[in-house]
N, C-alpha and C. Protein backbone atom coordinates (compact mmCIF):
# COMPACT_ATOMS: atom_id res chain seq x y z
N MET A 1 123.43 83.14 27.25
CA MET A 1 123.98 82.53 26.08
C MET A 1 125.05 83.39 25.43
N TYR A 2 124.84 84.71 25.44
CA TYR A 2 125.81 85.57 24.85
C TYR A 2 127.20 85.45 25.47
N SER A 3 127.26 85.21 26.77
CA SER A 3 128.53 85.05 27.45
C SER A 3 129.28 83.81 27.00
N ILE A 4 128.59 82.74 26.76
CA ILE A 4 129.25 81.50 26.27
C ILE A 4 129.76 81.74 24.88
N GLU A 5 128.98 82.34 24.01
CA GLU A 5 129.43 82.62 22.63
C GLU A 5 130.62 83.56 22.66
N ASN A 6 130.56 84.53 23.53
CA ASN A 6 131.68 85.48 23.60
C ASN A 6 132.98 84.81 24.07
N ASP A 7 132.85 83.92 25.07
CA ASP A 7 133.96 83.16 25.54
C ASP A 7 134.57 82.24 24.41
N LEU A 8 133.64 81.61 23.69
CA LEU A 8 134.10 80.78 22.53
C LEU A 8 134.82 81.62 21.51
N LYS A 9 134.30 82.78 21.23
CA LYS A 9 134.90 83.68 20.24
C LYS A 9 136.33 84.03 20.72
N ASN A 10 136.47 84.36 21.98
CA ASN A 10 137.79 84.73 22.53
C ASN A 10 138.75 83.56 22.50
N LEU A 11 138.25 82.36 22.81
CA LEU A 11 139.09 81.18 22.79
C LEU A 11 139.56 80.91 21.34
N CYS A 12 138.66 81.03 20.38
CA CYS A 12 139.04 80.85 18.96
C CYS A 12 140.10 81.84 18.55
N LEU A 13 139.93 83.10 18.93
CA LEU A 13 140.89 84.09 18.57
C LEU A 13 142.22 83.84 19.18
N ASP A 14 142.28 83.41 20.42
CA ASP A 14 143.51 83.05 21.08
C ASP A 14 144.16 81.86 20.45
N PHE A 15 143.35 80.89 20.13
CA PHE A 15 143.89 79.65 19.49
C PHE A 15 144.48 79.96 18.11
N ILE A 16 143.79 80.77 17.35
CA ILE A 16 144.34 81.15 16.03
C ILE A 16 145.63 81.93 16.19
N ASP A 17 145.71 82.80 17.20
CA ASP A 17 146.89 83.58 17.47
C ASP A 17 148.04 82.67 17.78
N VAL A 18 147.83 81.65 18.68
CA VAL A 18 148.89 80.67 19.00
C VAL A 18 149.30 79.92 17.75
N LEU A 19 148.36 79.44 16.97
CA LEU A 19 148.69 78.69 15.78
C LEU A 19 149.47 79.55 14.83
N HIS A 20 149.15 80.81 14.71
CA HIS A 20 149.88 81.72 13.80
C HIS A 20 151.32 81.88 14.31
N SER A 21 151.45 82.05 15.57
CA SER A 21 152.84 82.16 16.13
C SER A 21 153.67 80.89 15.90
N LEU A 22 153.05 79.74 16.08
CA LEU A 22 153.73 78.44 15.86
C LEU A 22 154.10 78.31 14.38
N GLU A 23 153.20 78.70 13.50
CA GLU A 23 153.48 78.57 12.07
C GLU A 23 154.58 79.54 11.64
N LYS A 24 154.53 80.76 12.21
CA LYS A 24 155.52 81.75 11.87
C LYS A 24 156.91 81.35 12.34
N SER A 25 157.00 80.70 13.48
CA SER A 25 158.32 80.28 14.03
C SER A 25 158.79 78.99 13.42
N GLY A 26 157.94 78.32 12.63
CA GLY A 26 158.32 77.06 11.99
C GLY A 26 158.08 75.81 12.78
N ASP A 27 157.40 75.98 13.93
CA ASP A 27 157.07 74.83 14.82
C ASP A 27 156.01 73.94 14.21
N ILE A 28 155.11 74.56 13.41
CA ILE A 28 154.13 73.75 12.66
C ILE A 28 154.14 74.18 11.20
N ALA A 29 153.70 73.32 10.31
CA ALA A 29 153.65 73.61 8.90
C ALA A 29 152.43 74.48 8.57
N LYS A 30 152.52 75.18 7.45
CA LYS A 30 151.40 76.00 7.02
C LYS A 30 150.13 75.18 6.86
N GLU A 31 150.30 73.96 6.39
CA GLU A 31 149.15 73.08 6.22
C GLU A 31 148.46 72.75 7.53
N GLU A 32 149.28 72.54 8.56
CA GLU A 32 148.71 72.30 9.89
C GLU A 32 147.99 73.51 10.41
N TYR A 33 148.60 74.65 10.20
CA TYR A 33 147.94 75.92 10.61
C TYR A 33 146.57 76.05 9.96
N GLU A 34 146.53 75.81 8.70
CA GLU A 34 145.24 75.93 7.97
C GLU A 34 144.25 74.87 8.39
N GLN A 35 144.70 73.64 8.66
CA GLN A 35 143.84 72.56 9.08
C GLN A 35 143.17 72.90 10.40
N TYR A 36 143.94 73.38 11.32
CA TYR A 36 143.39 73.63 12.68
C TYR A 36 142.64 74.98 12.78
N SER A 37 143.04 75.94 11.99
CA SER A 37 142.43 77.25 12.09
C SER A 37 141.10 77.41 11.30
N LYS A 38 140.94 76.65 10.24
CA LYS A 38 139.71 76.76 9.43
C LYS A 38 138.42 76.61 10.22
N PRO A 39 138.27 75.60 11.08
CA PRO A 39 137.03 75.49 11.81
C PRO A 39 136.79 76.62 12.74
N LYS A 40 137.86 77.19 13.30
CA LYS A 40 137.73 78.33 14.22
C LYS A 40 137.34 79.56 13.50
N ILE A 41 137.89 79.75 12.27
CA ILE A 41 137.54 80.89 11.46
C ILE A 41 136.08 80.82 10.98
N ALA A 42 135.64 79.63 10.66
CA ALA A 42 134.28 79.42 10.24
C ALA A 42 133.32 79.79 11.39
N PHE A 43 133.64 79.36 12.63
CA PHE A 43 132.82 79.72 13.77
C PHE A 43 132.78 81.22 13.94
N LEU A 44 133.93 81.88 13.82
CA LEU A 44 134.00 83.32 13.99
C LEU A 44 133.14 84.03 12.96
N LYS A 45 133.19 83.60 11.76
CA LYS A 45 132.41 84.21 10.67
C LYS A 45 130.91 84.05 11.00
N LYS A 46 130.48 82.86 11.42
CA LYS A 46 129.12 82.63 11.79
C LYS A 46 128.72 83.50 12.97
N TYR A 47 129.61 83.62 13.95
CA TYR A 47 129.33 84.40 15.15
C TYR A 47 129.16 85.87 14.77
N ILE A 48 130.07 86.40 13.96
CA ILE A 48 129.99 87.81 13.57
C ILE A 48 128.72 88.06 12.74
N LYS A 49 128.41 87.12 11.85
CA LYS A 49 127.17 87.26 11.04
C LYS A 49 125.96 87.26 11.91
N SER A 50 125.92 86.51 12.98
CA SER A 50 124.75 86.48 13.88
C SER A 50 124.56 87.78 14.67
N LEU A 51 125.66 88.52 14.84
CA LEU A 51 125.53 89.82 15.51
C LEU A 51 124.76 90.82 14.68
N TYR A 52 124.79 90.65 13.41
CA TYR A 52 124.17 91.66 12.51
C TYR A 52 122.79 91.23 12.01
N ILE A 53 122.29 90.08 12.45
CA ILE A 53 121.00 89.65 12.00
C ILE A 53 119.92 90.20 12.98
């Protein structure tokens, strides 16, 4: 199970990085960046929290 969660974490980080690059270059609006990145950030927070429980 750890491997799947780790893969999801890495995918979320990569996706957020791509979104950030697109937002920075003006290809997507800041609102779109926030809309698509919020669920990924929430997952990462939950994932990190579960590591310390």
